[in-house]
Amino acid sequence: MNFGPLPTVDVTAVPADGLVLDVREDEEWAAGHVDGALHIPMSGFVGRSGELTEAAEDGRRVHVMCRVGGRSAQVTQYLVQQGIDAVNIDGGMLAWDAAGRPMVTDSGNPAFVA
């Protein structure tokens, strides 16, 4: 079944209050992430997908992110097939950082893309 091209957005098109789903692994998340993002690593996504459906139950668009866009593309495709309004963030955290978008850490250390 082909659902057409993968919906993708540029990092600059992600609203400041947008729902961002970060599917990177724990050590990548710890290095730096989008403030307020929902963190569900791709490796455990299927078991925790209910957390996302709960966060997106108001019909909000889900902006899916990883380091460069490969893992998030797979998760975006899965979500679209489930009927969720999801888009892949083109270039992932590397593009986010390059665009000067804000990043945080839980530890308070300077954020970087691991």
PDB file of N, CA and C in Angstrom:
ATOM      1  N   MET A   1       0.854  -1.187   0.000  1.00  0.00           N
ATOM      2  CA  MET A   1       0.000   0.000   0.000  1.00  0.00           C
ATOM      3  C   MET A   1       0.894   1.243   0.000  1.00  0.00           C
ATOM      4  N   ASN A   2       0.665   2.119  -0.932  1.00  0.00           N
ATOM      5  CA  ASN A   2       1.483   3.338  -1.038  1.00  0.00           C
ATOM      6  C   ASN A   2       0.653   4.545  -0.614  1.00  0.00           C
ATOM      7  N   PHE A   3       1.175   5.291   0.344  1.00  0.00           N
ATOM      8  CA  PHE A   3       0.469   6.470   0.846  1.00  0.00           C
ATOM      9  C   PHE A   3       1.015   7.752   0.246  1.00  0.00           C
ATOM     10  N   GLY A   4       1.833   7.625  -0.801  1.00  0.00           N
ATOM     11  CA  GLY A   4       2.384   8.820  -1.431  1.00  0.00           C
ATOM     12  C   GLY A   4       3.641   9.278  -0.729  1.00  0.00           C
ATOM     13  N   PRO A   5       4.122  10.459  -1.116  1.00  0.00           N
ATOM     14  CA  PRO A   5       5.369  10.956  -0.527  1.00  0.00           C
ATOM     15  C   PRO A   5       5.216  11.216   0.972  1.00  0.00           C
ATOM     16  N   LEU A   6       6.317  11.061   1.661  1.00  0.00           N
ATOM     17  CA  LEU A   6       6.334  11.275   3.105  1.00  0.00           C
ATOM     18  C   LEU A   6       6.149  12.761   3.413  1.00  0.00           C
ATOM     19  N   PRO A   7       5.169  13.103   4.260  1.00  0.00           N
ATOM     20  CA  PRO A   7       5.005  14.513   4.620  1.00  0.00           C
ATOM     21  C   PRO A   7       6.208  15.007   5.419  1.00  0.00           C
ATOM     22  N   THR A   8       6.817  16.087   4.956  1.00  0.00           N
ATOM     23  CA  THR A   8       8.041  16.612   5.549  1.00  0.00           C
ATOM     24  C   THR A   8       7.927  18.115   5.711  1.00  0.00           C
ATOM     25  N   VAL A   9       8.509  18.645   6.779  1.00  0.00           N
ATOM     26  CA  VAL A   9       8.561  20.093   6.986  1.00  0.00           C
ATOM     27  C   VAL A   9       9.983  20.511   7.313  1.00  0.00           C
ATOM     28  N   ASP A  10      10.284  21.750   6.988  1.00  0.00           N
ATOM     29  CA  ASP A  10      11.557  22.360   7.349  1.00  0.00           C
ATOM     30  C   ASP A  10      11.523  22.725   8.829  1.00  0.00           C
ATOM     31  N   VAL A  11      12.691  22.722   9.469  1.00  0.00           N
ATOM     32  CA  VAL A  11      12.734  23.051  10.907  1.00  0.00           C
ATOM     33  C   VAL A  11      12.139  24.420  11.204  1.00  0.00           C
ATOM     34  N   THR A  12      12.262  25.345  10.276  1.00  0.00           N
ATOM     35  CA  THR A  12      11.738  26.691  10.510  1.00  0.00           C
ATOM     36  C   THR A  12      10.214  26.726  10.482  1.00  0.00           C
ATOM     37  N   ALA A  13       9.576  25.650   9.978  1.00  0.00           N
ATOM     38  CA  ALA A  13       8.113  25.609   9.897  1.00  0.00           C
ATOM     39  C   ALA A  13       7.477  24.977  11.133  1.00  0.00           C
ATOM     40  N   VAL A  14       8.299  24.506  12.065  1.00  0.00           N
ATOM     41  CA  VAL A  14       7.755  23.897  13.287  1.00  0.00           C
ATOM     42  C   VAL A  14       7.380  25.007  14.252  1.00  0.00           C
ATOM     43  N   PRO A  15       6.084  25.099  14.606  1.00  0.00           N
ATOM     44  CA  PRO A  15       5.687  26.175  15.529  1.00  0.00           C
ATOM     45  C   PRO A  15       6.317  26.003  16.901  1.00  0.00           C
ATOM     46  N   ALA A  16       6.552  27.113  17.584  1.00  0.00           N
ATOM     47  CA  ALA A  16       7.186  27.088  18.901  1.00  0.00           C
ATOM     48  C   ALA A  16       6.396  26.224  19.879  1.00  0.00           C
ATOM     49  N   ASP A  17       5.071  26.177  19.713  1.00  0.00           N
ATOM     50  CA  ASP A  17       4.245  25.379  20.616  1.00  0.00           C
ATOM     51  C   ASP A  17       3.823  24.059  19.973  1.00  0.00           C
ATOM     52  N   GLY A  18       4.498  23.680  18.872  1.00  0.00           N
ATOM     53  CA  GLY A  18       4.152  22.452  18.170  1.00  0.00           C
ATOM     54  C   GLY A  18       4.505  21.208  18.982  1.00  0.00           C
ATOM     55  N   LEU A  19       3.809  20.127  18.700  1.00  0.00           N
ATOM     56  CA  LEU A  19       4.080  18.846  19.345  1.00  0.00           C
ATOM     57  C   LEU A  19       5.241  18.179  18.607  1.00  0.00           C
ATOM     58  N   VAL A  20       6.394  18.084  19.279  1.00  0.00           N
ATOM     59  CA  VAL A  20       7.582  17.462  18.696  1.00  0.00           C
ATOM     60  C   VAL A  20       7.786  16.102  19.353  1.00  0.00           C
ATOM     61  N   LEU A  21       7.887  15.065  18.537  1.00  0.00           N
ATOM     62  CA  LEU A  21       8.179  13.721  19.007  1.00  0.00           C
ATOM     63  C   LEU A  21       9.624  13.415  18.650  1.00  0.00           C
ATOM     64  N   ASP A  22      10.458  13.212  19.658  1.00  0.00           N
ATOM     65  CA  ASP A  22      11.874  12.906  19.462  1.00  0.00           C
ATOM     66  C   ASP A  22      12.050  11.398  19.606  1.00  0.00           C
ATOM     67  N   VAL A  23      12.497  10.727  18.525  1.00  0.00           N
ATOM     68  CA  VAL A  23      12.614   9.273  18.547  1.00  0.00           C
ATOM     69  C   VAL A  23      14.064   8.804  18.697  1.00  0.00           C
ATOM     70  N   ARG A  24      14.967   9.743  19.082  1.00  0.00           N
ATOM     71  CA  ARG A  24      16.364   9.362  19.297  1.00  0.00           C
ATOM     72  C   ARG A  24      16.511   8.562  20.590  1.00  0.00           C
ATOM     73  N   GLU A  25      17.653   7.925  20.731  1.00  0.00           N
ATOM     74  CA  GLU A  25      17.914   7.116  21.923  1.00  0.00           C
ATOM     75  C   GLU A  25      18.247   8.022  23.118  1.00  0.00           C
ATOM     76  N   ASP A  26      18.238   7.428  24.315  1.00  0.00           N
ATOM     77  CA  ASP A  26      18.386   8.191  25.559  1.00  0.00           C
ATOM     78  C   ASP A  26      19.642   9.056  25.602  1.00  0.00           C
ATOM     79  N   GLU A  27      20.780   8.517  25.148  1.00  0.00           N
ATOM     80  CA  GLU A  27      22.030   9.284  25.233  1.00  0.00           C
ATOM     81  C   GLU A  27      21.998  10.479  24.270  1.00  0.00           C
ATOM     82  N   GLU A  28      21.320  10.334  23.137  1.00  0.00           N
ATOM     83  CA  GLU A  28      21.187  11.462  22.207  1.00  0.00           C
ATOM     84  C   GLU A  28      20.289  12.534  22.818  1.00  0.00           C
ATOM     85  N   TRP A  29      19.189  12.115  23.417  1.00  0.00           N
ATOM     86  CA  TRP A  29      18.251  13.024  24.082  1.00  0.00           C
ATOM     87  C   TRP A  29      18.960  13.803  25.193  1.00  0.00           C
ATOM     88  N   ALA A  30      19.784  13.098  25.980  1.00  0.00           N
ATOM     89  CA  ALA A  30      20.463  13.721  27.115  1.00  0.00           C
ATOM     90  C   ALA A  30      21.413  14.835  26.665  1.00  0.00           C
ATOM     91  N   ALA A  31      22.007  14.697  25.482  1.00  0.00           N
ATOM     92  CA  ALA A  31      22.962  15.693  24.983  1.00  0.00           C
ATOM     93  C   ALA A  31      22.276  17.015  24.655  1.00  0.00           C
ATOM     94  N   GLY A  32      21.043  16.954  24.168  1.00  0.00           N
ATOM     95  CA  GLY A  32      20.296  18.158  23.829  1.00  0.00           C
ATOM     96  C   GLY A  32      19.028  17.798  23.089  1.00  0.00           C
ATOM     97  N   HIS A  33      17.949  18.522  23.405  1.00  0.00           N
ATOM     98  CA  HIS A  33      16.660  18.255  22.762  1.00  0.00           C
ATOM     99  C   HIS A  33      15.802  19.516  22.739  1.00  0.00           C
ATOM    100  N   VAL A  34      14.702  19.430  22.016  1.00  0.00           N
ATOM    101  CA  VAL A  34      13.753  20.531  21.930  1.00  0.00           C
ATOM    102  C   VAL A  34      12.985  20.600  23.246  1.00  0.00           C
ATOM    103  N   ASP A  35      12.921  21.777  23.833  1.00  0.00           N
ATOM    104  CA  ASP A  35      12.191  21.967  25.087  1.00  0.00           C
ATOM    105  C   ASP A  35      10.729  21.584  24.886  1.00  0.00           C
ATOM    106  N   GLY A  36      10.221  20.736  25.757  1.00  0.00           N
ATOM    107  CA  GLY A  36       8.819  20.338  25.695  1.00  0.00           C
ATOM    108  C   GLY A  36       8.536  19.174  24.765  1.00  0.00           C
ATOM    109  N   ALA A  37       9.567  18.659  24.097  1.00  0.00           N
ATOM    110  CA  ALA A  37       9.357  17.533  23.185  1.00  0.00           C
ATOM    111  C   ALA A  37       8.971  16.277  23.955  1.00  0.00           C
ATOM    112  N   LEU A  38       8.245  15.399  23.292  1.00  0.00           N
ATOM    113  CA  LEU A  38       7.911  14.089  23.832  1.00  0.00           C
ATOM    114  C   LEU A  38       9.003  13.132  23.378  1.00  0.00           C
ATOM    115  N   HIS A  39       9.637  12.444  24.315  1.00  0.00           N
ATOM    116  CA  HIS A  39      10.753  11.546  23.986  1.00  0.00           C
ATOM    117  C   HIS A  39      10.302  10.096  24.077  1.00  0.00           C
ATOM    118  N   ILE A  40      10.206   9.445  22.912  1.00  0.00           N
ATOM    119  CA  ILE A  40       9.935   8.012  22.851  1.00  0.00           C
ATOM    120  C   ILE A  40      10.940   7.433  21.860  1.00  0.00           C
ATOM    121  N   PRO A  41      12.025   6.793  22.361  1.00  0.00           N
ATOM    122  CA  PRO A  41      13.025   6.247  21.443  1.00  0.00           C
ATOM    123  C   PRO A  41      12.404   5.270  20.441  1.00  0.00           C
ATOM    124  N   MET A  42      12.885   5.310  19.198  1.00  0.00           N
ATOM    125  CA  MET A  42      12.356   4.431  18.167  1.00  0.00           C
ATOM    126  C   MET A  42      12.448   2.967  18.590  1.00  0.00           C
ATOM    127  N   SER A  43      13.507   2.605  19.324  1.00  0.00           N
ATOM    128  CA  SER A  43      13.704   1.215  19.730  1.00  0.00           C
ATOM    129  C   SER A  43      12.581   0.696  20.623  1.00  0.00           C
ATOM    130  N   GLY A  44      11.874   1.588  21.300  1.00  0.00           N
ATOM    131  CA  GLY A  44      10.773   1.171  22.164  1.00  0.00           C
ATOM    132  C   GLY A  44       9.450   1.792  21.777  1.00  0.00           C
ATOM    133  N   PHE A  45       9.364   2.275  20.539  1.00  0.00           N
ATOM    134  CA  PHE A  45       8.206   3.074  20.143  1.00  0.00           C
ATOM    135  C   PHE A  45       6.895   2.303  20.176  1.00  0.00           C
ATOM    136  N   VAL A  46       6.891   1.092  19.633  1.00  0.00           N
ATOM    137  CA  VAL A  46       5.629   0.351  19.535  1.00  0.00           C
ATOM    138  C   VAL A  46       5.018   0.135  20.911  1.00  0.00           C
ATOM    139  N   GLY A  47       5.854  -0.190  21.896  1.00  0.00           N
ATOM    140  CA  GLY A  47       5.353  -0.420  23.246  1.00  0.00           C
ATOM    141  C   GLY A  47       4.877   0.831  23.963  1.00  0.00           C
ATOM    142  N   ARG A  48       5.342   1.998  23.515  1.00  0.00           N
ATOM    143  CA  ARG A  48       4.990   3.256  24.182  1.00  0.00           C
ATOM    144  C   ARG A  48       4.160   4.184  23.299  1.00  0.00           C
ATOM    145  N   SER A  49       3.663   3.696  22.174  1.00  0.00           N
ATOM    146  CA  SER A  49       2.953   4.572  21.232  1.00  0.00           C
ATOM    147  C   SER A  49       1.692   5.193  21.828  1.00  0.00           C
ATOM    148  N   GLY A  50       1.142   4.574  22.876  1.00  0.00           N
ATOM    149  CA  GLY A  50      -0.025   5.139  23.536  1.00  0.00           C
ATOM    150  C   GLY A  50       0.242   6.515  24.122  1.00  0.00           C
ATOM    151  N   GLU A  51       1.504   6.762  24.543  1.00  0.00           N
ATOM    152  CA  GLU A  51       1.867   8.076  25.066  1.00  0.00           C
ATOM    153  C   GLU A  51       1.691   9.141  23.990  1.00  0.00           C
ATOM    154  N   LEU A  52       2.023   8.775  22.753  1.00  0.00           N
ATOM    155  CA  LEU A  52       1.882   9.730  21.653  1.00  0.00           C
ATOM    156  C   LEU A  52       0.420   9.936  21.296  1.00  0.00           C
ATOM    157  N   THR A  53      -0.346   8.849  21.185  1.00  0.00           N
ATOM    158  CA  THR A  53      -1.746   9.019  20.813  1.00  0.00           C
ATOM    159  C   THR A  53      -2.481   9.853  21.852  1.00  0.00           C
ATOM    160  N   GLU A  54      -2.088   9.730  23.120  1.00  0.00           N
ATOM    161  CA  GLU A  54      -2.683  10.554  24.173  1.00  0.00           C
ATOM    162  C   GLU A  54      -2.304  12.029  23.981  1.00  0.00           C
ATOM    163  N   ALA A  55      -1.031  12.284  23.670  1.00  0.00           N
ATOM    164  CA  ALA A  55      -0.561  13.665  23.487  1.00  0.00           C
ATOM    165  C   ALA A  55      -1.177  14.309  22.250  1.00  0.00           C
ATOM    166  N   ALA A  56      -1.511  13.484  21.253  1.00  0.00           N
ATOM    167  CA  ALA A  56      -2.028  14.020  19.987  1.00  0.00           C
ATOM    168  C   ALA A  56      -3.536  13.830  19.845  1.00  0.00           C
ATOM    169  N   GLU A  57      -4.208  13.477  20.925  1.00  0.00           N
ATOM    170  CA  GLU A  57      -5.633  13.171  20.811  1.00  0.00           C
ATOM    171  C   GLU A  57      -6.478  14.381  20.427  1.00  0.00           C
ATOM    172  N   ASP A  58      -5.935  15.574  20.592  1.00  0.00           N
ATOM    173  CA  ASP A  58      -6.673  16.776  20.200  1.00  0.00           C
ATOM    174  C   ASP A  58      -6.523  17.042  18.697  1.00  0.00           C
ATOM    175  N   GLY A  59      -5.881  16.120  17.986  1.00  0.00           N
ATOM    176  CA  GLY A  59      -5.735  16.266  16.546  1.00  0.00           C
ATOM    177  C   GLY A  59      -4.544  17.095  16.118  1.00  0.00           C
ATOM    178  N   ARG A  60      -3.709  17.478  17.090  1.00  0.00           N
ATOM    179  CA  ARG A  60      -2.530  18.283  16.750  1.00  0.00           C
ATOM    180  C   ARG A  60      -1.605  17.519  15.825  1.00  0.00           C
ATOM    181  N   ARG A  61      -0.925  18.249  14.977  1.00  0.00           N
ATOM    182  CA  ARG A  61       0.088  17.665  14.106  1.00  0.00           C
ATOM    183  C   ARG A  61       1.285  17.239  14.938  1.00  0.00           C
ATOM    184  N   VAL A  62       1.817  16.074  14.639  1.00  0.00           N
ATOM    185  CA  VAL A  62       2.992  15.544  15.322  1.00  0.00           C
ATOM    186  C   VAL A  62       4.203  15.786  14.419  1.00  0.00           C
ATOM    187  N   HIS A  63       5.208  16.505  14.934  1.00  0.00           N
ATOM    188  CA  HIS A  63       6.452  16.776  14.206  1.00  0.00           C
ATOM    189  C   HIS A  63       7.491  15.781  14.715  1.00  0.00           C
ATOM    190  N   VAL A  64       7.888  14.831  13.866  1.00  0.00           N
ATOM    191  CA  VAL A  64       8.758  13.737  14.294  1.00  0.00           C
ATOM    192  C   VAL A  64      10.213  14.073  13.980  1.00  0.00           C
ATOM    193  N   MET A  65      11.088  13.858  14.972  1.00  0.00           N
ATOM    194  CA  MET A  65      12.489  14.256  14.850  1.00  0.00           C
ATOM    195  C   MET A  65      13.420  13.154  15.308  1.00  0.00           C
ATOM    196  N   CYS A  66      14.566  13.038  14.616  1.00  0.00           N
ATOM    197  CA  CYS A  66      15.690  12.227  15.087  1.00  0.00           C
ATOM    198  C   CYS A  66      16.948  13.051  14.821  1.00  0.00           C
ATOM    199  N   ARG A  67      18.074  12.419  14.625  1.00  0.00           N
ATOM    200  CA  ARG A  67      19.317  13.185  14.431  1.00  0.00           C
ATOM    201  C   ARG A  67      19.374  13.825  13.054  1.00  0.00           C
ATOM    202  N   VAL A  68      19.119  13.025  12.004  1.00  0.00           N
ATOM    203  CA  VAL A  68      19.213  13.562  10.638  1.00  0.00           C
ATOM    204  C   VAL A  68      17.943  13.366   9.812  1.00  0.00           C
ATOM    205  N   GLY A  69      17.031  12.516  10.249  1.00  0.00           N
ATOM    206  CA  GLY A  69      15.766  12.356   9.534  1.00  0.00           C
ATOM    207  C   GLY A  69      15.427  10.956   9.078  1.00  0.00           C
ATOM    208  N   GLY A  70      16.314   9.990   9.256  1.00  0.00           N
ATOM    209  CA  GLY A  70      16.043   8.623   8.806  1.00  0.00           C
ATOM    210  C   GLY A  70      15.092   7.857   9.702  1.00  0.00           C
ATOM    211  N   ARG A  71      15.409   7.804  10.986  1.00  0.00           N
ATOM    212  CA  ARG A  71      14.525   7.099  11.925  1.00  0.00           C
ATOM    213  C   ARG A  71      13.174   7.791  12.020  1.00  0.00           C
ATOM    214  N   SER A  72      13.201   9.122  12.049  1.00  0.00           N
ATOM    215  CA  SER A  72      11.937   9.853  12.160  1.00  0.00           C
ATOM    216  C   SER A  72      11.072   9.635  10.917  1.00  0.00           C
ATOM    217  N   ALA A  73      11.693   9.440   9.763  1.00  0.00           N
ATOM    218  CA  ALA A  73      10.920   9.167   8.535  1.00  0.00           C
ATOM    219  C   ALA A  73      10.160   7.851   8.684  1.00  0.00           C
ATOM    220  N   GLN A  74      10.811   6.845   9.255  1.00  0.00           N
ATOM    221  CA  GLN A  74      10.150   5.552   9.450  1.00  0.00           C
ATOM    222  C   GLN A  74       8.986   5.676  10.422  1.00  0.00           C
ATOM    223  N   VAL A  75       9.194   6.405  11.521  1.00  0.00           N
ATOM    224  CA  VAL A  75       8.122   6.578  12.501  1.00  0.00           C
ATOM    225  C   VAL A  75       6.994   7.418  11.911  1.00  0.00           C
ATOM    226  N   THR A  76       7.340   8.467  11.154  1.00  0.00           N
ATOM    227  CA  THR A  76       6.317   9.294  10.514  1.00  0.00           C
ATOM    228  C   THR A  76       5.449   8.449   9.591  1.00  0.00           C
ATOM    229  N   GLN A  77       6.086   7.608   8.793  1.00  0.00           N
ATOM    230  CA  GLN A  77       5.342   6.750   7.870  1.00  0.00           C
ATOM    231  C   GLN A  77       4.376   5.844   8.638  1.00  0.00           C
ATOM    232  N   TYR A  78       4.846   5.275   9.730  1.00  0.00           N
ATOM    233  CA  TYR A  78       4.006   4.421  10.566  1.00  0.00           C
ATOM    234  C   TYR A  78       2.804   5.211  11.111  1.00  0.00           C
ATOM    235  N   LEU A  79       3.066   6.420  11.632  1.00  0.00           N
ATOM    236  CA  LEU A  79       1.992   7.231  12.214  1.00  0.00           C
ATOM    237  C   LEU A  79       0.955   7.622  11.177  1.00  0.00           C
ATOM    238  N   VAL A  80       1.426   8.005   9.986  1.00  0.00           N
ATOM    239  CA  VAL A  80       0.502   8.382   8.908  1.00  0.00           C
ATOM    240  C   VAL A  80      -0.395   7.190   8.569  1.00  0.00           C
ATOM    241  N   GLN A  81       0.185   5.999   8.542  1.00  0.00           N
ATOM    242  CA  GLN A  81      -0.598   4.786   8.259  1.00  0.00           C
ATOM    243  C   GLN A  81      -1.632   4.524   9.350  1.00  0.00           C
ATOM    244  N   GLN A  82      -1.360   5.026  10.566  1.00  0.00           N
ATOM    245  CA  GLN A  82      -2.301   4.872  11.678  1.00  0.00           C
ATOM    246  C   GLN A  82      -3.351   5.985  11.692  1.00  0.00           C
ATOM    247  N   GLY A  83      -3.289   6.881  10.710  1.00  0.00           N
ATOM    248  CA  GLY A  83      -4.266   7.962  10.616  1.00  0.00           C
ATOM    249  C   GLY A  83      -3.920   9.182  11.449  1.00  0.00           C
ATOM    250  N   ILE A  84      -2.676   9.287  11.906  1.00  0.00           N
ATOM    251  CA  ILE A  84      -2.241  10.437  12.704  1.00  0.00           C
ATOM    252  C   ILE A  84      -1.620  11.482  11.790  1.00  0.00           C
ATOM    253  N   ASP A  85      -1.919  12.743  12.029  1.00  0.00           N
ATOM    254  CA  ASP A  85      -1.352  13.855  11.257  1.00  0.00           C
ATOM    255  C   ASP A  85       0.095  14.042  11.706  1.00  0.00           C
ATOM    256  N   ALA A  86       1.027  13.389  10.996  1.00  0.00           N
ATOM    257  CA  ALA A  86       2.437  13.425  11.371  1.00  0.00           C
ATOM    258  C   ALA A  86       3.283  13.886  10.195  1.00  0.00           C
ATOM    259  N   VAL A  87       4.341  14.642  10.515  1.00  0.00           N
ATOM    260  CA  VAL A  87       5.286  15.100   9.499  1.00  0.00           C
ATOM    261  C   VAL A  87       6.703  14.862  10.002  1.00  0.00           C
ATOM    262  N   ASN A  88       7.595  14.544   9.078  1.00  0.00           N
ATOM    263  CA  ASN A  88       9.002  14.343   9.390  1.00  0.00           C
ATOM    264  C   ASN A  88       9.708  15.702   9.351  1.00  0.00           C
ATOM    265  N   ILE A  89      10.529  15.981  10.355  1.00  0.00           N
ATOM    266  CA  ILE A  89      11.300  17.222  10.355  1.00  0.00           C
ATOM    267  C   ILE A  89      12.557  16.991   9.521  1.00  0.00           C
ATOM    268  N   ASP A  90      12.624  17.662   8.386  1.00  0.00           N
ATOM    269  CA  ASP A  90      13.716  17.500   7.438  1.00  0.00           C
ATOM    270  C   ASP A  90      15.052  17.891   8.075  1.00  0.00           C
ATOM    271  N   GLY A  91      16.008  16.971   8.070  1.00  0.00           N
ATOM    272  CA  GLY A  91      17.336  17.263   8.613  1.00  0.00           C
ATOM    273  C   GLY A  91      17.476  17.039  10.102  1.00  0.00           C
ATOM    274  N   GLY A  92      16.376  16.775  10.793  1.00  0.00           N
ATOM    275  CA  GLY A  92      16.406  16.420  12.205  1.00  0.00           C
ATOM    276  C   GLY A  92      17.078  17.446  13.104  1.00  0.00           C
ATOM    277  N   MET A  93      17.676  16.940  14.181  1.00  0.00           N
ATOM    278  CA  MET A  93      18.310  17.814  15.173  1.00  0.00           C
ATOM    279  C   MET A  93      19.500  18.575  14.593  1.00  0.00           C
ATOM    280  N   LEU A  94      20.192  17.991  13.630  1.00  0.00           N
ATOM    281  CA  LEU A  94      21.321  18.718  13.032  1.00  0.00           C
ATOM    282  C   LEU A  94      20.823  19.983  12.346  1.00  0.00           C
ATOM    283  N   ALA A  95      19.714  19.874  11.612  1.00  0.00           N
ATOM    284  CA  ALA A  95      19.142  21.056  10.949  1.00  0.00           C
ATOM    285  C   ALA A  95      18.562  22.018  11.981  1.00  0.00           C
ATOM    286  N   TRP A  96      17.946  21.474  13.033  1.00  0.00           N
ATOM    287  CA  TRP A  96      17.379  22.308  14.109  1.00  0.00           C
ATOM    288  C   TRP A  96      18.475  23.176  14.720  1.00  0.00           C
ATOM    289  N   ASP A  97      19.598  22.538  15.049  1.00  0.00           N
ATOM    290  CA  ASP A  97      20.731  23.241  15.639  1.00  0.00           C
ATOM    291  C   ASP A  97      21.303  24.267  14.658  1.00  0.00           C
ATOM    292  N   ALA A  98      21.466  23.870  13.403  1.00  0.00           N
ATOM    293  CA  ALA A  98      22.027  24.764  12.384  1.00  0.00           C
ATOM    294  C   ALA A  98      21.139  25.989  12.160  1.00  0.00           C
ATOM    295  N   ALA A  99      19.820  25.822  12.364  1.00  0.00           N
ATOM    296  CA  ALA A  99      18.886  26.936  12.179  1.00  0.00           C
ATOM    297  C   ALA A  99      18.834  27.838  13.411  1.00  0.00           C
ATOM    298  N   GLY A 100      19.578  27.454  14.457  1.00  0.00           N
ATOM    299  CA  GLY A 100      19.590  28.278  15.664  1.00  0.00           C
ATOM    300  C   GLY A 100      18.356  28.131  16.526  1.00  0.00           C
ATOM    301  N   ARG A 101      17.592  27.054  16.310  1.00  0.00           N
ATOM    302  CA  ARG A 101      16.408  26.829  17.141  1.00  0.00           C
ATOM    303  C   ARG A 101      16.862  26.404  18.538  1.00  0.00           C
ATOM    304  N   PRO A 102      16.123  26.763  19.579  1.00  0.00           N
ATOM    305  CA  PRO A 102      16.577  26.493  20.949  1.00  0.00           C
ATOM    306  C   PRO A 102      16.581  25.010  21.300  1.00  0.00           C
ATOM    307  N   MET A 103      17.598  24.637  22.102  1.00  0.00           N
ATOM    308  CA  MET A 103      17.721  23.280  22.620  1.00  0.00           C
ATOM    309  C   MET A 103      18.017  23.371  24.111  1.00  0.00           C
ATOM    310  N   VAL A 104      17.636  22.324  24.831  1.00  0.00           N
ATOM    311  CA  VAL A 104      17.859  22.268  26.280  1.00  0.00           C
ATOM    312  C   VAL A 104      18.411  20.895  26.663  1.00  0.00           C
ATOM    313  N   THR A 105      18.873  20.789  27.910  1.00  0.00           N
ATOM    314  CA  THR A 105      19.231  19.488  28.485  1.00  0.00           C
ATOM    315  C   THR A 105      18.539  19.389  29.828  1.00  0.00           C
ATOM    316  N   ASP A 106      18.321  18.160  30.274  1.00  0.00           N
ATOM    317  CA  ASP A 106      17.719  17.956  31.592  1.00  0.00           C
ATOM    318  C   ASP A 106      18.729  18.257  32.695  1.00  0.00           C
ATOM    319  N   SER A 107      20.026  18.163  32.356  1.00  0.00           N
ATOM    320  CA  SER A 107      21.086  18.351  33.348  1.00  0.00           C
ATOM    321  C   SER A 107      21.468  19.808  33.558  1.00  0.00           C
ATOM    322  N   GLY A 108      21.061  20.686  32.610  1.00  0.00           N
ATOM    323  CA  GLY A 108      21.465  22.081  32.687  1.00  0.00           C
ATOM    324  C   GLY A 108      22.776  22.362  31.970  1.00  0.00           C
ATOM    325  N   ASN A 109      23.443  21.312  31.459  1.00  0.00           N
ATOM    326  CA  ASN A 109      24.663  21.491  30.686  1.00  0.00           C
ATOM    327  C   ASN A 109      24.332  22.097  29.325  1.00  0.00           C
ATOM    328  N   PRO A 110      25.311  22.697  28.640  1.00  0.00           N
ATOM    329  CA  PRO A 110      25.049  23.223  27.298  1.00  0.00           C
ATOM    330  C   PRO A 110      24.570  22.103  26.374  1.00  0.00           C
ATOM    331  N   ALA A 111      23.558  22.414  25.582  1.00  0.00           N
ATOM    332  CA  ALA A 111      22.967  21.415  24.673  1.00  0.00           C
ATOM    333  C   ALA A 111      23.783  21.300  23.395  1.00  0.00           C
ATOM    334  N   PHE A 112      23.892  20.081  22.906  1.00  0.00           N
ATOM    335  CA  PHE A 112      24.527  19.836  21.615  1.00  0.00           C
ATOM    336  C   PHE A 112      23.871  18.616  20.982  1.00  0.00           C
ATOM    337  N   VAL A 113      24.110  18.406  19.698  1.00  0.00           N
ATOM    338  CA  VAL A 113      23.554  17.256  18.995  1.00  0.00           C
ATOM    339  C   VAL A 113      24.576  16.132  19.018  1.00  0.00           C
ATOM    340  N   ALA A 114      24.202  15.022  19.645  1.00  0.00           N
ATOM    341  CA  ALA A 114      25.104  13.868  19.751  1.00  0.00           C
ATOM    342  C   ALA A 114      24.894  12.931  18.581  1.00  0.00           C
TER     343      ALA A 114
END
